[in-house]
């Protein structure tokens, strides 16, 4: 009986070691052989060539479907108090969004643009990062019929405000509902 493990802590440590070793092998493909260099880059299909338009946008840069627009498809701007944000699309004639600036609070925005047709909130991936206490853990969205959408980044830990404006999506065809 000289080979038995008498301590539960030692048993748990051994189990953890085996699990880590297994995970390491699985992440390397499980073969453990260095000589098998995969030619993944040469055999992968080429990405489709992008036309002038992006998701949710036409070739002229107008937003046609606000729900499909991706971050990075507009122009990055600096706003109030050093906030950096994005403006996507071209403003409609007599747009309520013309006077808005990145970094404004939700109250400032509704004072200038009026009440939205619809609104809602959602959490971002940052909400699931352990020990992340910064901002943008949640977002608040306002939609305006015939105008577009406004996205606000929520405050950090302990700041339960609706945040600051970080993205203006101009869309003259906006239905007003999320």
N, C-alpha and C. Protein backbone atom coordinates (compact mmCIF):
# COMPACT_ATOMS: atom_id res chain seq x y z
N UNK A 1 0.80 -1.18 0.00
CA UNK A 1 0.00 0.00 0.00
C UNK A 1 0.85 1.25 0.00
N UNK A 2 2.05 1.19 -0.46
CA UNK A 2 2.93 2.34 -0.46
C UNK A 2 2.61 3.35 -1.55
N UNK A 3 1.84 2.95 -2.58
CA UNK A 3 1.55 3.84 -3.69
C UNK A 3 0.20 4.54 -3.58
N UNK A 4 -0.55 4.36 -2.53
CA UNK A 4 -1.87 4.98 -2.39
C UNK A 4 -1.73 6.45 -2.00
N UNK A 5 -2.67 7.25 -2.47
CA UNK A 5 -2.71 8.66 -2.11
C UNK A 5 -3.64 8.78 -0.91
N UNK A 6 -3.11 9.24 0.22
CA UNK A 6 -3.88 9.31 1.45
C UNK A 6 -4.54 10.67 1.66
N UNK A 7 -4.10 11.70 0.98
CA UNK A 7 -4.63 13.04 1.21
C UNK A 7 -5.61 13.43 0.10
N UNK A 8 -6.82 13.92 0.47
CA UNK A 8 -7.75 14.40 -0.57
C UNK A 8 -7.18 15.58 -1.34
N UNK A 9 -6.38 16.42 -0.70
CA UNK A 9 -5.78 17.56 -1.38
C UNK A 9 -4.82 17.10 -2.48
N UNK A 10 -4.05 16.06 -2.19
CA UNK A 10 -3.12 15.53 -3.18
C UNK A 10 -3.89 14.91 -4.35
N UNK A 11 -5.01 14.27 -4.06
CA UNK A 11 -5.85 13.70 -5.11
C UNK A 11 -6.40 14.79 -6.03
N UNK A 12 -6.88 15.87 -5.43
CA UNK A 12 -7.40 17.00 -6.22
C UNK A 12 -6.29 17.64 -7.05
N UNK A 13 -5.10 17.77 -6.48
CA UNK A 13 -3.98 18.36 -7.19
C UNK A 13 -3.60 17.50 -8.40
N UNK A 14 -3.59 16.18 -8.21
CA UNK A 14 -3.26 15.27 -9.30
C UNK A 14 -4.32 15.34 -10.40
N UNK A 15 -5.59 15.41 -10.00
CA UNK A 15 -6.68 15.52 -10.97
C UNK A 15 -6.56 16.81 -11.78
N UNK A 16 -6.25 17.91 -11.10
CA UNK A 16 -6.08 19.19 -11.79
C UNK A 16 -4.91 19.14 -12.76
N UNK A 17 -3.82 18.50 -12.37
CA UNK A 17 -2.65 18.39 -13.22
C UNK A 17 -2.97 17.59 -14.49
N UNK A 18 -3.70 16.50 -14.33
CA UNK A 18 -4.09 15.69 -15.49
C UNK A 18 -5.02 16.49 -16.40
N UNK A 19 -5.95 17.23 -15.82
CA UNK A 19 -6.88 18.04 -16.62
C UNK A 19 -6.13 19.11 -17.40
N UNK A 20 -5.18 19.78 -16.77
CA UNK A 20 -4.40 20.81 -17.46
C UNK A 20 -3.56 20.22 -18.58
N UNK A 21 -2.97 19.08 -18.33
CA UNK A 21 -2.16 18.43 -19.36
C UNK A 21 -3.03 18.02 -20.54
N UNK A 22 -4.22 17.53 -20.26
CA UNK A 22 -5.13 17.13 -21.33
C UNK A 22 -5.58 18.34 -22.14
N UNK A 23 -5.87 19.43 -21.47
CA UNK A 23 -6.29 20.65 -22.17
C UNK A 23 -5.16 21.19 -23.03
N UNK A 24 -3.94 21.10 -22.55
CA UNK A 24 -2.79 21.56 -23.33
C UNK A 24 -2.60 20.74 -24.58
N UNK A 25 -2.76 19.43 -24.48
CA UNK A 25 -2.64 18.57 -25.65
C UNK A 25 -3.76 18.83 -26.64
N UNK A 26 -4.95 19.07 -26.14
CA UNK A 26 -6.09 19.31 -27.01
C UNK A 26 -5.92 20.61 -27.78
N UNK A 27 -5.33 21.62 -27.16
CA UNK A 27 -5.16 22.89 -27.85
C UNK A 27 -4.09 22.82 -28.92
N UNK A 28 -3.21 21.85 -28.83
CA UNK A 28 -2.16 21.68 -29.84
C UNK A 28 -2.58 20.69 -30.91
N UNK A 29 -3.79 20.23 -30.88
CA UNK A 29 -4.23 19.26 -31.86
C UNK A 29 -4.12 17.84 -31.37
N UNK A 30 -3.54 17.62 -30.22
CA UNK A 30 -3.47 16.30 -29.62
C UNK A 30 -2.37 15.42 -30.16
N UNK A 31 -1.69 15.80 -31.23
CA UNK A 31 -0.68 14.92 -31.80
C UNK A 31 0.64 15.03 -31.07
N UNK A 32 0.98 16.21 -30.60
CA UNK A 32 2.23 16.40 -29.90
C UNK A 32 3.42 16.45 -30.83
N UNK A 33 3.22 16.32 -32.12
CA UNK A 33 4.31 16.32 -33.09
C UNK A 33 4.51 17.72 -33.65
N UNK A 34 5.73 18.20 -33.61
CA UNK A 34 6.04 19.53 -34.11
C UNK A 34 6.26 19.51 -35.62
N UNK A 35 6.53 18.36 -36.22
CA UNK A 35 6.88 18.31 -37.63
C UNK A 35 5.67 18.48 -38.54
N UNK A 36 4.47 18.37 -38.01
CA UNK A 36 3.28 18.49 -38.84
C UNK A 36 2.79 19.93 -38.86
N UNK A 37 3.44 20.77 -39.62
CA UNK A 37 3.01 22.17 -39.74
C UNK A 37 1.84 22.22 -40.71
N UNK A 38 0.72 22.69 -40.25
CA UNK A 38 -0.48 22.73 -41.08
C UNK A 38 -0.40 23.89 -42.06
N UNK A 39 -0.60 23.62 -43.34
CA UNK A 39 -0.59 24.70 -44.33
C UNK A 39 -1.96 25.37 -44.42
N UNK A 40 -2.49 25.78 -43.29
CA UNK A 40 -3.85 26.33 -43.24
C UNK A 40 -3.98 27.60 -44.06
N UNK A 41 -2.95 28.42 -44.08
CA UNK A 41 -3.05 29.69 -44.78
C UNK A 41 -3.15 29.48 -46.29
N UNK A 42 -2.46 28.47 -46.82
CA UNK A 42 -2.46 28.27 -48.26
C UNK A 42 -3.70 27.51 -48.74
N UNK A 43 -4.32 26.71 -47.89
CA UNK A 43 -5.48 25.94 -48.32
C UNK A 43 -6.80 26.57 -47.94
N UNK A 44 -6.77 27.62 -47.12
CA UNK A 44 -8.02 28.27 -46.71
C UNK A 44 -8.59 29.03 -47.90
N UNK A 45 -9.92 29.00 -48.06
CA UNK A 45 -10.52 29.74 -49.17
C UNK A 45 -10.33 31.24 -48.96
N UNK A 46 -10.14 31.92 -50.05
CA UNK A 46 -9.94 33.37 -49.97
C UNK A 46 -11.23 34.05 -49.53
N UNK A 47 -11.08 35.11 -48.77
CA UNK A 47 -12.26 35.87 -48.33
C UNK A 47 -12.89 36.52 -49.54
N UNK A 48 -14.23 36.59 -49.56
CA UNK A 48 -14.88 37.20 -50.71
C UNK A 48 -14.50 38.67 -50.82
N UNK A 49 -14.33 39.11 -52.03
CA UNK A 49 -13.97 40.51 -52.25
C UNK A 49 -15.13 41.41 -51.84
N UNK A 50 -14.80 42.45 -51.12
CA UNK A 50 -15.83 43.37 -50.64
C UNK A 50 -16.16 44.37 -51.73
N UNK A 51 -17.43 44.60 -51.93
CA UNK A 51 -17.82 45.67 -52.83
C UNK A 51 -17.73 46.97 -52.05
N UNK A 52 -18.17 48.07 -52.64
CA UNK A 52 -18.09 49.36 -51.98
C UNK A 52 -19.01 49.48 -50.79
N UNK A 53 -19.98 48.60 -50.65
CA UNK A 53 -20.93 48.73 -49.54
C UNK A 53 -20.59 47.77 -48.41
N UNK A 54 -20.98 48.15 -47.22
CA UNK A 54 -20.77 47.33 -46.04
C UNK A 54 -22.12 46.81 -45.57
N UNK A 55 -22.11 45.95 -44.58
CA UNK A 55 -23.35 45.36 -44.06
C UNK A 55 -24.30 46.46 -43.61
N UNK A 56 -25.52 46.42 -44.13
CA UNK A 56 -26.55 47.38 -43.75
C UNK A 56 -26.43 48.73 -44.42
N UNK A 57 -25.49 48.86 -45.38
CA UNK A 57 -25.26 50.14 -46.05
C UNK A 57 -25.24 49.96 -47.56
N UNK A 58 -25.54 51.05 -48.28
CA UNK A 58 -25.44 51.00 -49.73
C UNK A 58 -24.08 51.57 -50.16
N UNK A 59 -23.84 51.61 -51.46
CA UNK A 59 -22.54 52.04 -51.98
C UNK A 59 -22.26 53.51 -51.72
N UNK A 60 -23.29 54.33 -51.52
CA UNK A 60 -23.09 55.76 -51.27
C UNK A 60 -22.83 56.07 -49.80
N UNK A 61 -22.84 55.07 -48.94
CA UNK A 61 -22.60 55.28 -47.53
C UNK A 61 -23.85 55.55 -46.73
N UNK A 62 -25.02 55.37 -47.34
CA UNK A 62 -26.29 55.54 -46.63
C UNK A 62 -26.64 54.24 -45.92
N UNK A 63 -27.17 54.36 -44.72
CA UNK A 63 -27.60 53.19 -43.97
C UNK A 63 -28.97 52.77 -44.49
N UNK A 64 -29.12 51.49 -44.84
CA UNK A 64 -30.40 50.98 -45.30
C UNK A 64 -31.05 50.06 -44.28
N UNK A 65 -30.26 49.46 -43.39
CA UNK A 65 -30.79 48.62 -42.33
C UNK A 65 -29.93 48.81 -41.08
N UNK A 66 -30.45 49.60 -40.14
CA UNK A 66 -29.69 49.95 -38.93
C UNK A 66 -29.30 48.74 -38.10
N UNK A 67 -30.13 47.70 -38.12
CA UNK A 67 -29.85 46.53 -37.29
C UNK A 67 -28.67 45.71 -37.80
N UNK A 68 -28.27 45.92 -39.05
CA UNK A 68 -27.17 45.15 -39.63
C UNK A 68 -25.86 45.92 -39.71
N UNK A 69 -25.89 47.19 -39.36
CA UNK A 69 -24.68 48.01 -39.42
C UNK A 69 -23.70 47.54 -38.36
N UNK A 70 -22.44 47.44 -38.73
CA UNK A 70 -21.40 46.96 -37.82
C UNK A 70 -20.54 48.12 -37.34
N UNK A 71 -20.04 47.99 -36.14
CA UNK A 71 -19.11 48.99 -35.61
C UNK A 71 -17.89 49.06 -36.52
N UNK A 72 -17.38 50.25 -36.74
CA UNK A 72 -16.23 50.43 -37.61
C UNK A 72 -16.61 50.77 -39.03
N UNK A 73 -17.90 50.79 -39.36
CA UNK A 73 -18.31 51.10 -40.72
C UNK A 73 -18.51 52.59 -40.94
N UNK A 74 -18.41 53.38 -39.89
CA UNK A 74 -18.56 54.83 -40.00
C UNK A 74 -17.23 55.53 -39.78
N UNK A 75 -17.32 56.81 -39.46
CA UNK A 75 -16.10 57.57 -39.19
C UNK A 75 -15.97 57.79 -37.69
N UNK A 76 -14.76 57.66 -37.19
CA UNK A 76 -14.47 57.84 -35.77
C UNK A 76 -14.25 59.32 -35.50
N UNK A 77 -14.89 59.81 -34.43
CA UNK A 77 -14.78 61.23 -34.07
C UNK A 77 -14.51 61.37 -32.58
N UNK A 78 -13.92 62.49 -32.21
CA UNK A 78 -13.74 62.86 -30.80
C UNK A 78 -14.90 63.76 -30.44
N UNK A 79 -15.44 63.55 -29.24
CA UNK A 79 -16.59 64.34 -28.80
C UNK A 79 -16.33 65.08 -27.53
N UNK A 80 -17.39 65.36 -26.81
CA UNK A 80 -17.32 66.09 -25.55
C UNK A 80 -16.53 65.31 -24.52
N UNK A 81 -15.79 66.01 -23.69
CA UNK A 81 -15.04 65.42 -22.57
C UNK A 81 -14.11 64.29 -23.00
N UNK A 82 -13.61 64.35 -24.22
CA UNK A 82 -12.66 63.34 -24.69
C UNK A 82 -13.27 62.02 -25.12
N UNK A 83 -14.61 61.93 -25.16
CA UNK A 83 -15.24 60.68 -25.60
C UNK A 83 -14.95 60.46 -27.07
N UNK A 84 -14.65 59.21 -27.41
CA UNK A 84 -14.44 58.84 -28.80
C UNK A 84 -15.63 57.99 -29.22
N UNK A 85 -16.15 58.27 -30.39
CA UNK A 85 -17.31 57.53 -30.87
C UNK A 85 -17.31 57.42 -32.38
N UNK A 86 -18.45 57.03 -32.91
CA UNK A 86 -18.56 56.78 -34.34
C UNK A 86 -19.85 57.38 -34.88
N UNK A 87 -19.77 57.90 -36.10
CA UNK A 87 -20.95 58.39 -36.80
C UNK A 87 -21.03 57.62 -38.11
N UNK A 88 -22.16 56.95 -38.32
CA UNK A 88 -22.35 56.10 -39.49
C UNK A 88 -23.50 56.64 -40.32
N UNK A 89 -23.33 56.66 -41.63
CA UNK A 89 -24.38 57.08 -42.54
C UNK A 89 -24.39 58.59 -42.76
N UNK A 90 -25.32 59.00 -43.62
CA UNK A 90 -25.47 60.41 -43.95
C UNK A 90 -26.76 60.93 -43.32
N UNK A 91 -26.71 62.11 -42.69
CA UNK A 91 -27.92 62.61 -42.02
C UNK A 91 -29.03 62.93 -43.00
N UNK A 92 -30.26 62.71 -42.57
CA UNK A 92 -31.44 63.05 -43.37
C UNK A 92 -31.60 64.57 -43.39
N UNK A 93 -32.38 65.07 -44.33
CA UNK A 93 -32.69 66.51 -44.35
C UNK A 93 -33.41 66.87 -43.07
N UNK A 94 -33.07 68.01 -42.50
CA UNK A 94 -33.67 68.49 -41.26
C UNK A 94 -33.55 67.47 -40.13
N UNK A 95 -32.41 66.78 -40.08
CA UNK A 95 -32.21 65.74 -39.08
C UNK A 95 -32.14 66.31 -37.67
N UNK A 96 -32.80 65.63 -36.74
CA UNK A 96 -32.72 65.99 -35.33
C UNK A 96 -31.34 65.68 -34.77
N UNK A 97 -30.60 64.84 -35.47
CA UNK A 97 -29.29 64.40 -34.99
C UNK A 97 -28.17 65.39 -35.32
N UNK A 98 -28.45 66.43 -36.12
CA UNK A 98 -27.41 67.36 -36.58
C UNK A 98 -26.73 68.08 -35.42
N UNK A 99 -27.43 68.35 -34.34
CA UNK A 99 -26.86 69.10 -33.21
C UNK A 99 -26.25 68.19 -32.15
N UNK A 100 -26.35 66.89 -32.33
CA UNK A 100 -25.84 65.96 -31.32
C UNK A 100 -24.33 65.80 -31.44
N UNK A 101 -23.69 65.53 -30.30
CA UNK A 101 -22.25 65.30 -30.27
C UNK A 101 -21.96 64.04 -29.46
N UNK A 102 -20.94 63.32 -29.91
CA UNK A 102 -20.49 62.15 -29.17
C UNK A 102 -20.10 62.60 -27.76
N UNK A 103 -20.49 61.82 -26.76
CA UNK A 103 -20.16 62.15 -25.38
C UNK A 103 -21.31 62.77 -24.61
N UNK A 104 -22.39 63.17 -25.31
CA UNK A 104 -23.54 63.76 -24.61
C UNK A 104 -24.25 62.72 -23.76
N UNK A 105 -24.87 63.16 -22.68
CA UNK A 105 -25.66 62.26 -21.84
C UNK A 105 -27.02 62.03 -22.51
N UNK A 106 -27.73 61.01 -22.06
CA UNK A 106 -29.05 60.71 -22.61
C UNK A 106 -30.01 61.88 -22.39
N UNK A 107 -29.91 62.55 -21.28
CA UNK A 107 -30.77 63.70 -20.99
C UNK A 107 -30.50 64.84 -21.97
N UNK A 108 -29.23 65.13 -22.23
CA UNK A 108 -28.89 66.17 -23.20
C UNK A 108 -29.45 65.82 -24.58
N UNK A 109 -29.34 64.56 -24.96
CA UNK A 109 -29.82 64.12 -26.27
C UNK A 109 -31.33 64.27 -26.38
N UNK A 110 -32.07 63.82 -25.38
CA UNK A 110 -33.53 63.93 -25.45
C UNK A 110 -33.99 65.39 -25.38
N UNK A 111 -33.23 66.26 -24.72
CA UNK A 111 -33.56 67.68 -24.73
C UNK A 111 -33.45 68.27 -26.13
N UNK A 112 -32.47 67.79 -26.92
CA UNK A 112 -32.27 68.30 -28.27
C UNK A 112 -33.10 67.58 -29.33
N UNK A 113 -33.16 66.26 -29.25
CA UNK A 113 -33.79 65.45 -30.30
C UNK A 113 -35.21 65.02 -29.96
N UNK A 114 -35.65 65.21 -28.73
CA UNK A 114 -36.98 64.77 -28.33
C UNK A 114 -36.98 63.32 -27.87
N UNK A 115 -38.16 62.84 -27.52
CA UNK A 115 -38.29 61.47 -27.04
C UNK A 115 -38.19 60.49 -28.21
N UNK A 116 -37.54 59.34 -28.00
CA UNK A 116 -37.38 58.36 -29.08
C UNK A 116 -38.69 57.62 -29.37
N UNK A 117 -38.76 57.04 -30.55
CA UNK A 117 -39.89 56.19 -30.92
C UNK A 117 -39.85 54.90 -30.12
N UNK A 118 -38.66 54.34 -29.94
CA UNK A 118 -38.46 53.11 -29.17
C UNK A 118 -37.09 53.17 -28.51
N UNK A 119 -36.91 52.36 -27.48
CA UNK A 119 -35.63 52.32 -26.78
C UNK A 119 -35.47 50.99 -26.09
N UNK A 120 -34.24 50.65 -25.76
CA UNK A 120 -33.97 49.41 -25.06
C UNK A 120 -32.52 49.35 -24.63
N UNK A 121 -32.18 48.31 -23.88
CA UNK A 121 -30.83 48.16 -23.36
C UNK A 121 -30.37 46.71 -23.53
N UNK A 122 -29.07 46.52 -23.53
CA UNK A 122 -28.50 45.18 -23.60
C UNK A 122 -27.11 45.20 -22.96
N UNK A 123 -26.65 44.03 -22.53
CA UNK A 123 -25.32 43.94 -21.93
C UNK A 123 -24.31 43.65 -23.04
N UNK A 124 -23.07 44.04 -22.80
CA UNK A 124 -21.99 43.77 -23.75
C UNK A 124 -21.12 42.64 -23.20
N UNK A 125 -20.19 42.20 -23.97
CA UNK A 125 -19.28 41.14 -23.53
C UNK A 125 -18.42 41.54 -22.34
N UNK A 126 -18.21 42.85 -22.17
CA UNK A 126 -17.39 43.32 -21.05
C UNK A 126 -18.05 43.02 -19.71
N UNK A 127 -19.35 42.82 -19.70
CA UNK A 127 -20.05 42.51 -18.45
C UNK A 127 -19.64 41.15 -17.90
N UNK A 128 -19.08 40.30 -18.73
CA UNK A 128 -18.73 38.95 -18.32
C UNK A 128 -17.23 38.77 -18.06
N UNK A 129 -16.48 39.86 -18.13
CA UNK A 129 -15.05 39.80 -17.83
C UNK A 129 -14.88 39.91 -16.32
N UNK A 130 -14.29 38.89 -15.69
CA UNK A 130 -14.11 38.96 -14.23
C UNK A 130 -13.24 40.16 -13.83
N UNK A 131 -13.64 40.83 -12.80
CA UNK A 131 -12.91 41.96 -12.23
C UNK A 131 -12.78 43.14 -13.19
N UNK A 132 -13.68 43.26 -14.17
CA UNK A 132 -13.71 44.44 -15.04
C UNK A 132 -14.72 45.41 -14.46
N UNK A 133 -14.26 46.57 -14.08
CA UNK A 133 -15.13 47.56 -13.45
C UNK A 133 -15.26 48.82 -14.30
N UNK A 134 -14.79 48.78 -15.52
CA UNK A 134 -14.84 49.96 -16.39
C UNK A 134 -16.21 50.19 -16.99
N UNK A 135 -16.25 51.13 -17.91
CA UNK A 135 -17.52 51.48 -18.55
C UNK A 135 -17.82 50.53 -19.72
N UNK A 136 -18.94 50.74 -20.36
CA UNK A 136 -19.41 49.98 -21.52
C UNK A 136 -19.75 48.53 -21.18
N UNK A 137 -20.20 48.30 -19.95
CA UNK A 137 -20.66 46.97 -19.56
C UNK A 137 -22.08 46.73 -20.08
N UNK A 138 -22.79 47.82 -20.33
CA UNK A 138 -24.11 47.72 -20.93
C UNK A 138 -24.29 48.88 -21.90
N UNK A 139 -25.23 48.73 -22.80
CA UNK A 139 -25.52 49.79 -23.77
C UNK A 139 -27.01 50.08 -23.76
N UNK A 140 -27.31 51.31 -24.09
CA UNK A 140 -28.68 51.79 -24.15
C UNK A 140 -28.89 52.34 -25.55
N UNK A 141 -29.99 51.96 -26.19
CA UNK A 141 -30.23 52.32 -27.58
C UNK A 141 -31.55 53.07 -27.71
N UNK A 142 -31.54 54.16 -28.46
CA UNK A 142 -32.75 54.92 -28.76
C UNK A 142 -32.94 54.92 -30.27
N UNK A 143 -34.16 54.67 -30.74
CA UNK A 143 -34.44 54.73 -32.17
C UNK A 143 -35.44 55.84 -32.44
N UNK A 144 -35.22 56.55 -33.53
CA UNK A 144 -36.09 57.65 -33.94
C UNK A 144 -36.56 57.38 -35.36
N UNK A 145 -37.85 57.33 -35.56
CA UNK A 145 -38.42 57.04 -36.88
C UNK A 145 -37.97 58.11 -37.88
N UNK A 146 -37.46 57.64 -39.02
CA UNK A 146 -37.02 58.54 -40.08
C UNK A 146 -35.72 59.27 -39.79
N UNK A 147 -35.07 58.96 -38.66
CA UNK A 147 -33.83 59.65 -38.28
C UNK A 147 -32.66 58.68 -38.14
N UNK A 148 -32.86 57.59 -37.37
CA UNK A 148 -31.80 56.64 -37.13
C UNK A 148 -31.77 56.15 -35.70
N UNK A 149 -30.58 55.75 -35.25
CA UNK A 149 -30.41 55.19 -33.90
C UNK A 149 -29.27 55.89 -33.18
N UNK A 150 -29.39 55.91 -31.87
CA UNK A 150 -28.36 56.46 -31.00
C UNK A 150 -27.98 55.40 -29.99
N UNK A 151 -26.69 55.14 -29.83
CA UNK A 151 -26.20 54.11 -28.91
C UNK A 151 -25.40 54.81 -27.80
N UNK A 152 -25.72 54.46 -26.56
CA UNK A 152 -25.04 55.02 -25.39
C UNK A 152 -24.29 53.90 -24.68
N UNK A 153 -23.06 54.17 -24.25
CA UNK A 153 -22.30 53.22 -23.45
C UNK A 153 -22.60 53.48 -21.99
N UNK A 154 -22.98 52.42 -21.27
CA UNK A 154 -23.30 52.55 -19.86
C UNK A 154 -22.08 52.87 -19.03
N UNK A 155 -22.32 53.42 -17.87
CA UNK A 155 -21.23 53.81 -16.97
C UNK A 155 -20.55 52.60 -16.36
N UNK A 156 -19.53 52.87 -15.58
CA UNK A 156 -18.77 51.82 -14.91
C UNK A 156 -19.46 51.35 -13.64
N UNK A 157 -18.72 50.60 -12.83
CA UNK A 157 -19.25 50.04 -11.59
C UNK A 157 -19.75 51.15 -10.67
N UNK A 158 -20.97 51.05 -10.24
CA UNK A 158 -21.56 52.04 -9.35
C UNK A 158 -22.20 53.20 -10.08
N UNK A 159 -22.01 53.29 -11.41
CA UNK A 159 -22.62 54.36 -12.20
C UNK A 159 -23.76 53.76 -13.00
N UNK A 160 -24.97 53.98 -12.54
CA UNK A 160 -26.12 53.34 -13.17
C UNK A 160 -26.85 54.29 -14.11
N UNK A 161 -26.16 55.30 -14.59
CA UNK A 161 -26.78 56.22 -15.55
C UNK A 161 -26.90 55.51 -16.89
N UNK A 162 -27.61 56.13 -17.80
CA UNK A 162 -27.76 55.53 -19.12
C UNK A 162 -26.55 55.81 -19.99
N UNK A 163 -25.54 56.46 -19.44
CA UNK A 163 -24.27 56.58 -20.13
C UNK A 163 -24.16 57.77 -21.05
N UNK A 164 -23.18 57.66 -21.95
CA UNK A 164 -22.87 58.74 -22.87
C UNK A 164 -22.97 58.24 -24.30
N UNK A 165 -23.33 59.15 -25.19
CA UNK A 165 -23.52 58.82 -26.60
C UNK A 165 -22.19 58.42 -27.22
N UNK A 166 -22.15 57.23 -27.81
CA UNK A 166 -20.92 56.75 -28.45
C UNK A 166 -21.09 56.44 -29.94
N UNK A 167 -22.34 56.36 -30.42
CA UNK A 167 -22.54 55.99 -31.82
C UNK A 167 -23.83 56.61 -32.33
N UNK A 168 -23.71 57.34 -33.43
CA UNK A 168 -24.86 57.93 -34.11
C UNK A 168 -25.00 57.20 -35.44
N UNK A 169 -26.16 56.59 -35.67
CA UNK A 169 -26.43 55.90 -36.94
C UNK A 169 -27.52 56.67 -37.65
N UNK A 170 -27.15 57.37 -38.73
CA UNK A 170 -28.12 58.12 -39.53
C UNK A 170 -28.80 57.15 -40.49
N UNK A 171 -30.13 57.12 -40.49
CA UNK A 171 -30.88 56.26 -41.40
C UNK A 171 -32.24 56.90 -41.66
N UNK A 172 -32.40 57.50 -42.83
CA UNK A 172 -33.65 58.17 -43.18
C UNK A 172 -34.80 57.18 -43.31
N UNK A 173 -34.50 55.89 -43.46
CA UNK A 173 -35.54 54.87 -43.60
C UNK A 173 -35.82 54.13 -42.30
N UNK A 174 -35.32 54.63 -41.18
CA UNK A 174 -35.49 53.95 -39.89
C UNK A 174 -36.97 53.81 -39.56
N UNK A 175 -37.38 52.58 -39.20
CA UNK A 175 -38.78 52.32 -38.85
C UNK A 175 -39.12 52.88 -37.48
N UNK A 176 -38.12 53.06 -36.65
CA UNK A 176 -38.35 53.58 -35.31
C UNK A 176 -38.48 52.51 -34.26
N UNK A 177 -38.44 51.24 -34.67
CA UNK A 177 -38.58 50.15 -33.71
C UNK A 177 -37.37 49.24 -33.80
N UNK A 178 -36.99 48.71 -32.66
CA UNK A 178 -35.79 47.87 -32.58
C UNK A 178 -36.03 46.49 -33.14
